Amino acid sequence: MKLIDKEALLLALRKKRYSKQSLDLIESQPVVDAIPVDWVMTYYKYRLMPRPVQWFEAIQIMIEDWEKENEQTN
């Protein structure tokens, strides 16, 4: 499975005048929470690498911070 930016795809398709049926099909697809790899790498480099943490603690901290950041945008 590959994840896409659903909003960006719908915007691009609307500009090209795809059918309402095609847009509805995309709109009806399930949404999956996903943290972008570039965010994880940057977060690790600047927030986790400077301090010693266990891997499971690092993942928990990362997910909590990701959720906090995305509460503001959702």
N, C-alpha and C. Protein backbone atom coordinates (compact mmCIF):
# COMPACT_ATOMS: atom_id res chain seq x y z
N MET A 1 0.85 -1.17 0.00
CA MET A 1 0.00 0.00 0.00
C MET A 1 0.90 1.24 0.00
N LYS A 2 0.49 2.23 -0.76
CA LYS A 2 1.18 3.52 -0.75
C LYS A 2 0.19 4.57 -0.33
N LEU A 3 0.65 5.48 0.50
CA LEU A 3 -0.21 6.56 0.97
C LEU A 3 -0.08 7.76 0.06
N ILE A 4 -1.17 8.50 -0.08
CA ILE A 4 -1.17 9.70 -0.90
C ILE A 4 -1.72 10.86 -0.10
N ASP A 5 -1.50 12.05 -0.59
CA ASP A 5 -2.12 13.24 -0.01
C ASP A 5 -3.46 13.40 -0.73
N LYS A 6 -4.51 12.94 -0.07
CA LYS A 6 -5.85 12.91 -0.69
C LYS A 6 -6.31 14.30 -1.11
N GLU A 7 -6.09 15.30 -0.25
CA GLU A 7 -6.54 16.66 -0.57
C GLU A 7 -5.82 17.20 -1.80
N ALA A 8 -4.51 16.95 -1.90
CA ALA A 8 -3.75 17.42 -3.06
C ALA A 8 -4.23 16.73 -4.34
N LEU A 9 -4.49 15.44 -4.25
CA LEU A 9 -4.97 14.70 -5.41
C LEU A 9 -6.33 15.23 -5.87
N LEU A 10 -7.25 15.42 -4.93
CA LEU A 10 -8.57 15.92 -5.30
C LEU A 10 -8.49 17.31 -5.92
N LEU A 11 -7.63 18.15 -5.38
CA LEU A 11 -7.46 19.49 -5.94
C LEU A 11 -6.94 19.42 -7.37
N ALA A 12 -5.95 18.58 -7.61
CA ALA A 12 -5.39 18.42 -8.96
C ALA A 12 -6.43 17.88 -9.93
N LEU A 13 -7.23 16.92 -9.48
CA LEU A 13 -8.24 16.34 -10.37
C LEU A 13 -9.37 17.32 -10.67
N ARG A 14 -9.73 18.14 -9.70
CA ARG A 14 -10.78 19.14 -9.95
C ARG A 14 -10.34 20.14 -11.01
N LYS A 15 -9.06 20.47 -11.01
CA LYS A 15 -8.53 21.41 -12.01
C LYS A 15 -8.58 20.80 -13.40
N LYS A 16 -8.52 19.49 -13.50
CA LYS A 16 -8.53 18.81 -14.80
C LYS A 16 -9.93 18.35 -15.18
N ARG A 17 -10.91 18.69 -14.37
CA ARG A 17 -12.31 18.40 -14.65
C ARG A 17 -12.63 16.91 -14.76
N TYR A 18 -12.18 16.16 -13.78
CA TYR A 18 -12.55 14.75 -13.72
C TYR A 18 -14.02 14.64 -13.33
N SER A 19 -14.60 13.49 -13.60
CA SER A 19 -16.02 13.31 -13.33
C SER A 19 -16.31 13.32 -11.83
N LYS A 20 -17.54 13.69 -11.50
CA LYS A 20 -17.96 13.69 -10.10
C LYS A 20 -17.85 12.28 -9.53
N GLN A 21 -18.14 11.29 -10.32
CA GLN A 21 -18.06 9.90 -9.87
C GLN A 21 -16.61 9.54 -9.47
N SER A 22 -15.64 9.98 -10.26
CA SER A 22 -14.23 9.72 -9.93
C SER A 22 -13.84 10.42 -8.64
N LEU A 23 -14.25 11.68 -8.49
CA LEU A 23 -13.93 12.43 -7.29
C LEU A 23 -14.60 11.82 -6.06
N ASP A 24 -15.84 11.38 -6.21
CA ASP A 24 -16.56 10.74 -5.10
C ASP A 24 -15.88 9.44 -4.67
N LEU A 25 -15.38 8.70 -5.65
CA LEU A 25 -14.69 7.44 -5.34
C LEU A 25 -13.44 7.71 -4.50
N ILE A 26 -12.67 8.70 -4.89
CA ILE A 26 -11.47 9.05 -4.12
C ILE A 26 -11.87 9.56 -2.74
N GLU A 27 -12.86 10.41 -2.69
CA GLU A 27 -13.32 10.99 -1.43
C GLU A 27 -13.79 9.92 -0.45
N SER A 28 -14.31 8.83 -0.96
CA SER A 28 -14.86 7.78 -0.10
C SER A 28 -13.82 6.81 0.46
N GLN A 29 -12.57 6.95 0.02
CA GLN A 29 -11.53 6.01 0.47
C GLN A 29 -11.18 6.25 1.93
N PRO A 30 -10.77 5.19 2.63
CA PRO A 30 -10.45 5.33 4.06
C PRO A 30 -9.22 6.21 4.28
N VAL A 31 -9.21 6.86 5.41
CA VAL A 31 -8.09 7.71 5.80
C VAL A 31 -7.23 6.95 6.80
N VAL A 32 -5.93 7.00 6.60
CA VAL A 32 -4.98 6.32 7.47
C VAL A 32 -4.05 7.37 8.07
N ASP A 33 -3.89 7.33 9.39
CA ASP A 33 -2.92 8.23 10.02
C ASP A 33 -1.52 7.81 9.58
N ALA A 34 -0.71 8.78 9.16
CA ALA A 34 0.64 8.47 8.72
C ALA A 34 1.57 9.64 9.05
N ILE A 35 2.72 9.32 9.56
CA ILE A 35 3.74 10.33 9.86
C ILE A 35 4.75 10.28 8.71
N PRO A 36 4.97 11.41 8.02
CA PRO A 36 5.92 11.42 6.89
C PRO A 36 7.35 11.09 7.34
N VAL A 37 8.05 10.35 6.51
CA VAL A 37 9.41 9.93 6.83
C VAL A 37 10.32 11.14 7.06
N ASP A 38 10.18 12.20 6.26
CA ASP A 38 11.05 13.36 6.45
C ASP A 38 10.80 14.01 7.82
N TRP A 39 9.56 14.00 8.30
CA TRP A 39 9.27 14.53 9.64
C TRP A 39 9.96 13.67 10.69
N VAL A 40 9.89 12.35 10.55
CA VAL A 40 10.51 11.44 11.50
C VAL A 40 12.02 11.67 11.54
N MET A 41 12.66 11.78 10.38
CA MET A 41 14.11 11.96 10.33
C MET A 41 14.53 13.29 10.96
N THR A 42 13.82 14.35 10.65
CA THR A 42 14.13 15.66 11.23
C THR A 42 13.90 15.65 12.74
N TYR A 43 12.79 15.07 13.15
CA TYR A 43 12.47 14.97 14.58
C TYR A 43 13.56 14.21 15.31
N TYR A 44 13.95 13.08 14.76
CA TYR A 44 14.98 12.27 15.40
C TYR A 44 16.29 13.05 15.52
N LYS A 45 16.67 13.69 14.43
CA LYS A 45 17.96 14.40 14.40
C LYS A 45 18.01 15.53 15.43
N TYR A 46 16.94 16.30 15.51
CA TYR A 46 16.99 17.49 16.37
C TYR A 46 16.38 17.31 17.76
N ARG A 47 15.50 16.34 17.94
CA ARG A 47 14.84 16.20 19.23
C ARG A 47 15.28 14.97 20.02
N LEU A 48 15.53 13.86 19.34
CA LEU A 48 15.82 12.62 20.06
C LEU A 48 17.30 12.27 20.11
N MET A 49 18.03 12.52 19.03
CA MET A 49 19.43 12.12 18.98
C MET A 49 20.27 12.79 20.08
N PRO A 50 20.03 14.06 20.41
CA PRO A 50 20.87 14.71 21.43
C PRO A 50 20.72 14.13 22.83
N ARG A 51 19.68 13.34 23.08
CA ARG A 51 19.51 12.80 24.42
C ARG A 51 19.29 11.29 24.35
N PRO A 52 19.80 10.56 25.32
CA PRO A 52 19.63 9.11 25.29
C PRO A 52 18.21 8.71 25.70
N VAL A 53 17.53 7.98 24.83
CA VAL A 53 16.21 7.44 25.14
C VAL A 53 16.12 6.03 24.58
N GLN A 54 15.31 5.22 25.20
CA GLN A 54 15.05 3.88 24.68
C GLN A 54 14.20 4.00 23.42
N TRP A 55 14.30 3.05 22.51
CA TRP A 55 13.59 3.16 21.24
C TRP A 55 12.09 3.25 21.43
N PHE A 56 11.53 2.47 22.36
CA PHE A 56 10.08 2.49 22.56
C PHE A 56 9.63 3.82 23.17
N GLU A 57 10.47 4.41 24.03
CA GLU A 57 10.16 5.74 24.58
C GLU A 57 10.23 6.78 23.47
N ALA A 58 11.22 6.66 22.60
CA ALA A 58 11.37 7.59 21.49
C ALA A 58 10.15 7.56 20.58
N ILE A 59 9.64 6.39 20.30
CA ILE A 59 8.46 6.26 19.44
C ILE A 59 7.24 6.87 20.12
N GLN A 60 7.07 6.60 21.38
CA GLN A 60 5.94 7.16 22.11
C GLN A 60 5.99 8.68 22.13
N ILE A 61 7.16 9.24 22.42
CA ILE A 61 7.33 10.71 22.42
C ILE A 61 7.03 11.27 21.03
N MET A 62 7.55 10.61 20.02
CA MET A 62 7.37 11.08 18.65
C MET A 62 5.89 11.10 18.26
N ILE A 63 5.18 10.04 18.56
CA ILE A 63 3.75 9.96 18.21
C ILE A 63 2.96 11.02 18.96
N GLU A 64 3.25 11.19 20.23
CA GLU A 64 2.54 12.22 21.01
C GLU A 64 2.77 13.61 20.44
N ASP A 65 4.02 13.92 20.09
CA ASP A 65 4.32 15.24 19.52
C ASP A 65 3.68 15.42 18.15
N TRP A 66 3.66 14.35 17.34
CA TRP A 66 3.02 14.42 16.02
C TRP A 66 1.53 14.72 16.16
N GLU A 67 0.89 14.03 17.11
CA GLU A 67 -0.54 14.25 17.33
C GLU A 67 -0.80 15.68 17.81
N LYS A 68 0.04 16.20 18.69
CA LYS A 68 -0.12 17.58 19.15
C LYS A 68 0.00 18.56 18.00
N GLU A 69 1.00 18.37 17.15
CA GLU A 69 1.20 19.26 16.00
C GLU A 69 -0.01 19.21 15.06
N ASN A 70 -0.56 18.03 14.86
CA ASN A 70 -1.63 17.89 13.89
C ASN A 70 -3.02 18.21 14.45
N GLU A 71 -3.16 18.31 15.75
CA GLU A 71 -4.42 18.78 16.32
C GLU A 71 -4.67 20.22 15.90
N GLN A 72 -3.62 20.99 15.76
CA GLN A 72 -3.73 22.39 15.40
C GLN A 72 -4.17 22.56 13.95
N THR A 73 -3.82 21.61 13.07
CA THR A 73 -4.15 21.74 11.65
C THR A 73 -5.43 21.03 11.26
N ASN A 74 -5.94 20.13 12.11
CA ASN A 74 -7.15 19.37 11.76
C ASN A 74 -8.39 20.00 12.33
